[in-house]
C-alpha atoms as a PDB file:
ATOM      1  CA  MET A   1      -5.328  30.426 120.349  1.00  0.00           C
ATOM      2  CA  SER A   2      -6.748  32.434 123.300  1.00  0.00           C
ATOM      3  CA  ALA A   3      -4.589  34.843 125.336  1.00  0.00           C
ATOM      4  CA  LYS A   4      -5.033  32.668 128.582  1.00  0.00           C
ATOM      5  CA  ASP A   5      -4.079  29.531 126.476  1.00  0.00           C
ATOM      6  CA  MET A   6      -0.823  31.403 125.378  1.00  0.00           C
ATOM      7  CA  PHE A   7      -0.021  32.573 128.729  1.00  0.00           C
ATOM      8  CA  LYS A   8      -0.687  29.020 130.082  1.00  0.00           C
ATOM      9  CA  LYS A   9       1.734  27.654 127.427  1.00  0.00           C
ATOM     10  CA  LEU A  10       4.318  29.965 128.931  1.00  0.00           C
ATOM     11  CA  ASN A  11       3.682  28.756 132.386  1.00  0.00           C
ATOM     12  CA  TYR A  12       1.681  31.677 133.597  1.00  0.00           C
ATOM     13  CA  PHE A  13      -1.678  31.320 135.475  1.00  0.00           C
ATOM     14  CA  GLN A  14      -4.498  33.737 135.759  1.00  0.00           C
ATOM     15  CA  SER A  15      -4.490  34.764 139.387  1.00  0.00           C
ATOM     16  CA  SER A  16      -7.219  37.388 139.423  1.00  0.00           C
ATOM     17  CA  ALA A  17     -10.738  36.704 139.897  1.00  0.00           C
ATOM     18  CA  PRO A  18     -13.250  37.292 137.023  1.00  0.00           C
ATOM     19  CA  ASN A  19     -15.012  40.305 138.390  1.00  0.00           C
ATOM     20  CA  GLU A  20     -11.896  42.211 139.413  1.00  0.00           C
ATOM     21  CA  ASP A  21     -10.803  45.467 137.893  1.00  0.00           C
ATOM     22  CA  GLU A  22      -7.511  43.889 136.818  1.00  0.00           C
ATOM     23  CA  LEU A  23      -6.604  40.641 134.834  1.00  0.00           C
ATOM     24  CA  THR A  24      -3.307  39.344 136.195  1.00  0.00           C
ATOM     25  CA  TYR A  25      -1.208  36.459 135.128  1.00  0.00           C
ATOM     26  CA  ASN A  26       1.529  35.098 137.405  1.00  0.00           C
ATOM     27  CA  LEU A  27       4.558  33.112 136.388  1.00  0.00           C
ATOM     28  CA  GLU A  28       4.168  29.575 137.973  1.00  0.00           C
ATOM     29  CA  THR A  29       7.140  29.144 140.315  1.00  0.00           C
ATOM     30  CA  ASN A  30       7.970  27.233 143.388  1.00  0.00           C
ATOM     31  CA  ASP A  31      10.422  30.011 144.534  1.00  0.00           C
ATOM     32  CA  ILE A  32       8.534  32.954 145.907  1.00  0.00           C
ATOM     33  CA  GLU A  33      11.484  35.262 145.534  1.00  0.00           C
ATOM     34  CA  ASN A  34      11.369  34.819 141.806  1.00  0.00           C
ATOM     35  CA  TYR A  35       7.937  36.222 141.117  1.00  0.00           C
ATOM     36  CA  ARG A  36       6.785  37.668 137.690  1.00  0.00           C
ATOM     37  CA  TYR A  37       3.533  39.017 136.667  1.00  0.00           C
ATOM     38  CA  ILE A  38       1.722  40.659 133.940  1.00  0.00           C
ATOM     39  CA  SER A  39      -1.361  42.612 134.830  1.00  0.00           C
ATOM     40  CA  PHE A  40      -4.138  44.392 132.760  1.00  0.00           C
ATOM     41  CA  ASN A  41      -6.020  47.136 134.326  1.00  0.00           C
ATOM     42  CA  LEU A  42      -9.527  46.919 132.896  1.00  0.00           C
ATOM     43  CA  ILE A  43     -10.597  50.371 133.945  1.00  0.00           C
ATOM     44  CA  PHE A  44      -7.731  52.698 132.910  1.00  0.00           C
ATOM     45  CA  LYS A  45      -6.438  50.253 130.107  1.00  0.00           C
ATOM     46  CA  TYR A  46      -2.900  49.904 131.041  1.00  0.00           C
ATOM     47  CA  ILE A  47      -0.481  47.103 131.383  1.00  0.00           C
ATOM     48  CA  GLU A  48       1.725  46.709 134.523  1.00  0.00           C
ATOM     49  CA  MET A  49       4.671  44.135 134.550  1.00  0.00           C
ATOM     50  CA  ASP A  50       7.089  43.136 137.293  1.00  0.00           C
ATOM     51  CA  ASP A  51       9.543  40.724 138.191  1.00  0.00           C
ATOM     52  CA  TRP A  52      11.908  39.936 141.044  1.00  0.00           C
ATOM     53  CA  THR A  53      14.875  41.335 138.963  1.00  0.00           C
ATOM     54  CA  ASN A  54      13.388  44.920 138.577  1.00  0.00           C
ATOM     55  CA  ASN A  55      14.749  44.593 134.990  1.00  0.00           C
ATOM     56  CA  PHE A  56      11.618  43.218 133.196  1.00  0.00           C
ATOM     57  CA  GLN A  57      12.240  41.850 129.808  1.00  0.00           C
ATOM     58  CA  LEU A  58       9.715  40.357 127.477  1.00  0.00           C
ATOM     59  CA  SER A  59      10.024  37.420 125.329  1.00  0.00           C
ATOM     60  CA  VAL A  60       8.482  37.597 121.861  1.00  0.00           C
ATOM     61  CA  ALA A  61       6.085  34.836 123.012  1.00  0.00           C
ATOM     62  CA  GLU A  62       5.057  37.079 126.088  1.00  0.00           C
ATOM     63  CA  LEU A  63       4.731  39.853 123.798  1.00  0.00           C
ATOM     64  CA  GLN A  64       2.462  37.998 121.491  1.00  0.00           C
ATOM     65  CA  ALA A  65       0.356  36.862 124.468  1.00  0.00           C
ATOM     66  CA  ILE A  66       0.007  40.461 125.636  1.00  0.00           C
ATOM     67  CA  ASN A  67      -0.979  41.504 122.180  1.00  0.00           C
ATOM     68  CA  GLN A  68      -3.607  38.735 122.103  1.00  0.00           C
ATOM     69  CA  GLN A  69      -5.143  39.947 125.413  1.00  0.00           C
ATOM     70  CA  VAL A  70      -5.270  43.367 124.208  1.00  0.00           C
ATOM     71  CA  LYS A  71      -7.144  42.214 121.110  1.00  0.00           C
ATOM     72  CA  GLU A  72      -9.456  40.111 123.200  1.00  0.00           C
ATOM     73  CA  LEU A  73     -10.144  43.146 125.559  1.00  0.00           C
ATOM     74  CA  ARG A  74     -10.784  45.223 122.419  1.00  0.00           C
ATOM     75  CA  TRP A  75      -8.563  47.870 123.506  1.00  0.00           C
ATOM     76  CA  TYR A  76      -7.500  48.684 119.947  1.00  0.00           C
ATOM     77  CA  GLU A  77     -10.870  50.088 119.163  1.00  0.00           C
END
């Protein structure tokens, strides 16, 4: 399963355009104050995460999706 599919299964959607320097997934929510995102900087190869609590915690499924995305980006090489 692709990272995009894994994030979609977790109710995230890709909010970045294909040609941007970042690949960003946002959690689908109707409450604008309860935001959550995971972003991959494609130039400097780092991951930024944030949510409305300022106490970001990952589920195992989110970690697996992140690892899959890192694998697809070939950041391990």
